[in-house]
Amino acid sequence: MNYLYKEYDIDFLKFRLTVFNIAYYVVGCFVLLFLVPYFLTESIDLSRLYFSIPVSAICLYICWAFFKRIWKPENPNKFVLRRNRLSLLSITCIALLPILTFIGDYQWLTFTVINISFYTITAIEVDRYLYLLENKAKLIGVFDLHKKNEGNLGKSELLKTVLTRREIEISFSIVDGRTYRQIGDDFFIAESTVSKHASNIFKKTGVKNRSEFLSRYKSKKE
């Protein structure tokens, strides 16, 4: 869940549903709606029901809000669409966990859902890395600059040490002529966040602004 919050710069959920607050809600529900009813009634099924309903409601709301937010990007590319669909699958699996708790003790089903969630996040990271490799020619000047400075670092290590993954993605969008607002819409992050990333990119690559960055580092082979 925390991975998806950071990936999409989530700030659109109501009821202060941050990652930490969700953890507090779940712990509170467990104590008040599971342990206390079980202590009073000694009914595991009733306690499970009391606990599962509010937690399921929170998870389903997050899933719905997430779906509404990212399902139809305005100017999607294949990379964004793939990442959105995988992210939706991952967060849906997470939302199903409290429902599975209520259904019963089917560990094989619960573990399958958990594993699907982790596998989709792994697939997102693998797809991101392949996307960077496919598009790095757009910023060949940046990678050449740091290749000289970093000595004999391998290509995969180079991608990690020069710019962050998000900064590289935003760099690709900058050389494609996207505005900060358009980039924010593409990646579902605030325009101010894009601007902050851009400032870091310019600082790391030794330029003062966007124009100088494009003139110095944009590939001439495009």
Protein backbone atom coordinates (compact mmCIF):
# COMPACT_ATOMS: atom_id res chain seq x y z
CA MET A 1 0.00 0.00 0.00
CA ASN A 2 2.78 2.44 0.90
CA TYR A 3 4.45 1.72 -2.46
CA LEU A 4 1.30 2.73 -4.35
CA TYR A 5 0.83 5.85 -2.22
CA LYS A 6 4.33 7.01 -3.13
CA GLU A 7 4.08 5.91 -6.75
CA TYR A 8 0.96 7.99 -7.40
CA ASP A 9 1.52 10.80 -4.89
CA ILE A 10 -1.92 10.03 -3.46
CA ASP A 11 -3.63 13.04 -1.90
CA PHE A 12 -7.21 12.58 -3.07
CA LEU A 13 -8.56 10.23 -0.39
CA LYS A 14 -11.01 11.56 2.18
CA PHE A 15 -11.09 10.89 5.92
CA ARG A 16 -7.31 11.40 6.22
CA LEU A 17 -6.62 7.94 4.86
CA THR A 18 -2.85 8.06 4.91
CA VAL A 19 -0.90 4.82 5.20
CA PHE A 20 -0.24 5.41 8.91
CA ASN A 21 -3.85 6.35 9.65
CA ILE A 22 -5.09 3.22 7.91
CA ALA A 23 -2.78 1.16 10.10
CA TYR A 24 -4.19 2.91 13.19
CA TYR A 25 -7.77 2.30 12.03
CA VAL A 26 -7.10 -1.38 11.45
CA VAL A 27 -5.44 -1.82 14.85
CA GLY A 28 -8.29 0.05 16.53
CA CYS A 29 -10.89 -2.09 14.73
CA PHE A 30 -9.04 -5.22 15.73
CA VAL A 31 -9.03 -4.28 19.41
CA LEU A 32 -12.53 -2.79 19.65
CA LEU A 33 -14.41 -4.87 17.11
CA PHE A 34 -12.63 -8.21 17.28
CA LEU A 35 -10.97 -8.74 20.64
CA VAL A 36 -13.67 -7.08 22.75
CA PRO A 37 -16.63 -8.87 21.09
CA TYR A 38 -14.74 -12.16 21.23
CA PHE A 39 -14.06 -11.64 24.94
CA LEU A 40 -17.76 -10.92 25.56
CA THR A 41 -19.37 -13.51 23.28
CA GLU A 42 -16.61 -16.09 22.64
CA SER A 43 -17.88 -16.21 19.05
CA ILE A 44 -15.09 -16.08 16.49
CA ASP A 45 -17.56 -15.73 13.62
CA LEU A 46 -19.33 -12.74 15.17
CA SER A 47 -16.04 -11.06 16.06
CA ARG A 48 -14.75 -11.65 12.55
CA LEU A 49 -17.90 -10.04 11.14
CA TYR A 50 -17.61 -6.95 13.34
CA PHE A 51 -13.96 -6.52 12.43
CA SER A 52 -14.30 -7.20 8.71
CA ILE A 53 -17.15 -4.82 7.85
CA PRO A 54 -15.49 -1.43 8.65
CA VAL A 55 -12.05 -2.53 7.43
CA SER A 56 -13.56 -3.86 4.20
CA ALA A 57 -15.42 -0.58 3.75
CA ILE A 58 -12.17 1.39 4.06
CA CYS A 59 -10.34 -0.88 1.61
CA LEU A 60 -13.16 -0.86 -0.93
CA TYR A 61 -13.36 2.94 -0.76
CA ILE A 62 -9.61 3.20 -1.43
CA CYS A 63 -9.95 0.78 -4.34
CA TRP A 64 -12.89 2.72 -5.81
CA ALA A 65 -11.19 6.12 -5.41
CA PHE A 66 -7.98 4.78 -6.90
CA PHE A 67 -9.87 3.31 -9.86
CA LYS A 68 -11.74 6.57 -10.44
CA ARG A 69 -8.50 8.53 -10.27
CA ILE A 70 -6.30 6.62 -12.71
CA TRP A 71 -8.45 4.45 -14.96
CA LYS A 72 -8.74 6.90 -17.87
CA PRO A 73 -5.66 9.12 -18.20
CA GLU A 74 -6.05 12.03 -20.63
CA ASN A 75 -3.00 11.34 -22.76
CA PRO A 76 -1.93 7.79 -21.98
CA ASN A 77 1.04 5.97 -23.39
CA LYS A 78 1.48 2.22 -23.25
CA PHE A 79 3.82 2.41 -20.27
CA VAL A 80 1.36 4.48 -18.19
CA LEU A 81 -1.56 2.22 -19.13
CA ARG A 82 0.34 -0.94 -18.17
CA ARG A 83 1.41 0.53 -14.86
CA ASN A 84 -2.12 1.74 -14.06
CA ARG A 85 -3.67 -1.65 -14.76
CA LEU A 86 -1.08 -3.51 -12.72
CA SER A 87 -1.48 -1.03 -9.86
CA LEU A 88 -5.26 -1.47 -9.90
CA LEU A 89 -4.83 -5.24 -9.76
CA SER A 90 -2.46 -4.91 -6.81
CA ILE A 91 -4.67 -2.56 -4.80
CA THR A 92 -7.76 -4.70 -5.55
CA CYS A 93 -5.97 -7.72 -4.09
CA ILE A 94 -5.11 -5.70 -0.98
CA ALA A 95 -8.75 -4.56 -0.66
CA LEU A 96 -9.93 -8.19 -0.81
CA LEU A 97 -7.91 -9.30 2.21
CA PRO A 98 -10.37 -8.23 4.96
CA ILE A 99 -13.22 -9.75 2.94
CA LEU A 100 -11.32 -13.02 2.77
CA THR A 101 -10.85 -12.81 6.52
CA PHE A 102 -14.61 -12.74 6.96
CA ILE A 103 -15.24 -15.58 4.50
CA GLY A 104 -13.18 -17.98 6.54
CA ASP A 105 -9.81 -19.58 7.13
CA TYR A 106 -8.83 -20.35 3.54
CA GLN A 107 -5.10 -19.79 3.71
CA TRP A 108 -4.46 -20.97 0.17
CA LEU A 109 -6.80 -18.29 -1.17
CA THR A 110 -5.43 -15.55 1.07
CA PHE A 111 -1.82 -16.38 0.19
CA THR A 112 -2.70 -16.47 -3.51
CA VAL A 113 -4.22 -12.99 -3.35
CA ILE A 114 -1.25 -11.63 -1.37
CA ASN A 115 1.21 -13.15 -3.84
CA ILE A 116 -0.65 -11.67 -6.81
CA SER A 117 -0.36 -8.23 -5.19
CA PHE A 118 3.40 -8.61 -4.70
CA TYR A 119 3.92 -10.07 -8.18
CA THR A 120 2.12 -7.14 -9.82
CA ILE A 121 4.37 -4.66 -7.98
CA THR A 122 7.38 -6.66 -9.16
CA ALA A 123 5.99 -6.53 -12.70
CA ILE A 124 5.63 -2.73 -12.40
CA GLU A 125 9.29 -2.39 -11.45
CA VAL A 126 10.48 -4.73 -14.22
CA ASP A 127 8.37 -2.86 -16.77
CA ARG A 128 9.72 0.47 -15.52
CA TYR A 129 13.30 -0.74 -15.93
CA LEU A 130 12.63 -1.96 -19.48
CA TYR A 131 10.97 1.37 -20.27
CA LEU A 132 14.07 3.22 -19.10
CA LEU A 133 16.34 1.04 -21.23
CA GLU A 134 14.14 1.48 -24.31
CA ASN A 135 14.06 5.27 -23.98
CA LYS A 136 17.49 6.13 -22.61
CA ALA A 137 18.62 7.25 -26.08
CA LYS A 138 16.45 10.34 -25.55
CA LEU A 139 18.85 11.43 -22.82
CA ILE A 140 22.06 10.02 -24.16
CA GLY A 141 23.89 13.22 -23.21
CA VAL A 142 22.97 12.84 -19.54
CA PHE A 143 24.11 9.22 -19.41
CA ASP A 144 27.32 10.02 -21.28
CA LEU A 145 28.11 12.79 -18.81
CA HIS A 146 27.74 10.57 -15.79
CA LYS A 147 29.47 7.65 -17.46
CA LYS A 148 32.60 9.77 -17.59
CA ASN A 149 32.26 10.81 -13.97
CA GLU A 150 31.32 7.45 -12.53
CA GLY A 151 34.21 5.50 -14.03
CA ASN A 152 33.48 1.88 -14.86
CA LEU A 153 29.94 1.58 -13.51
CA GLY A 154 27.75 -0.79 -15.48
CA LYS A 155 24.71 0.46 -17.36
CA SER A 156 22.20 -0.88 -14.84
CA GLU A 157 24.09 0.74 -11.99
CA LEU A 158 24.32 3.98 -13.96
CA LEU A 159 20.54 4.24 -14.19
CA LYS A 160 20.31 3.97 -10.41
CA THR A 161 23.05 6.40 -9.41
CA VAL A 162 22.49 9.36 -11.74
CA LEU A 163 18.81 10.23 -11.42
CA THR A 164 16.03 8.52 -9.52
CA ARG A 165 13.60 6.38 -11.49
CA ARG A 166 10.89 9.03 -11.33
CA GLU A 167 13.35 11.75 -12.34
CA ILE A 168 14.35 9.76 -15.42
CA GLU A 169 10.69 9.26 -16.37
CA ILE A 170 10.06 12.98 -15.99
CA SER A 171 13.20 13.74 -18.01
CA PHE A 172 11.82 11.67 -20.87
CA SER A 173 8.60 13.70 -20.73
CA ILE A 174 10.53 16.99 -20.68
CA VAL A 175 12.45 16.12 -23.84
CA ASP A 176 9.14 15.11 -25.43
CA GLY A 177 7.95 18.68 -24.91
CA ARG A 178 5.41 17.99 -22.16
CA THR A 179 4.56 20.82 -19.76
CA TYR A 180 4.81 20.26 -16.01
CA ARG A 181 1.04 20.15 -15.77
CA GLN A 182 0.82 17.55 -18.54
CA ILE A 183 3.55 15.49 -16.90
CA GLY A 184 1.68 15.65 -13.59
CA ASP A 185 -1.49 14.45 -15.32
CA ASP A 186 0.42 11.62 -17.03
CA PHE A 187 1.88 10.31 -13.78
CA PHE A 188 -0.96 11.36 -11.42
CA ILE A 189 1.24 13.61 -9.32
CA ALA A 190 0.90 17.29 -8.44
CA GLU A 191 2.37 19.91 -10.77
CA SER A 192 4.40 21.24 -7.84
CA THR A 193 5.88 17.75 -7.38
CA VAL A 194 6.89 17.69 -11.05
CA SER A 195 8.51 21.11 -10.65
CA LYS A 196 10.48 19.86 -7.65
CA HIS A 197 11.66 16.80 -9.59
CA ALA A 198 12.64 19.03 -12.52
CA SER A 199 14.71 21.27 -10.23
CA ASN A 200 16.54 18.19 -8.92
CA ILE A 201 17.12 16.99 -12.49
CA PHE A 202 18.61 20.32 -13.54
CA LYS A 203 20.80 20.48 -10.44
CA LYS A 204 22.15 16.96 -10.93
CA THR A 205 22.90 17.54 -14.61
CA GLY A 206 24.55 20.93 -14.07
CA VAL A 207 22.09 23.20 -15.90
CA LYS A 208 20.07 26.21 -14.80
CA ASN A 209 16.72 25.64 -16.48
CA ARG A 210 14.64 23.56 -18.88
CA SER A 211 15.89 25.29 -22.03
CA GLU A 212 19.54 24.70 -21.14
CA PHE A 213 18.77 21.10 -20.22
CA LEU A 214 17.17 20.45 -23.61
CA SER A 215 19.89 22.18 -25.61
CA ARG A 216 22.68 20.38 -23.80
CA TYR A 217 21.38 16.87 -23.24
CA LYS A 218 18.55 16.07 -25.63
CA SER A 219 19.65 13.43 -28.12
CA LYS A 220 20.31 14.81 -31.60
CA LYS A 221 19.46 11.42 -33.14
CA GLU A 222 15.71 11.57 -32.47
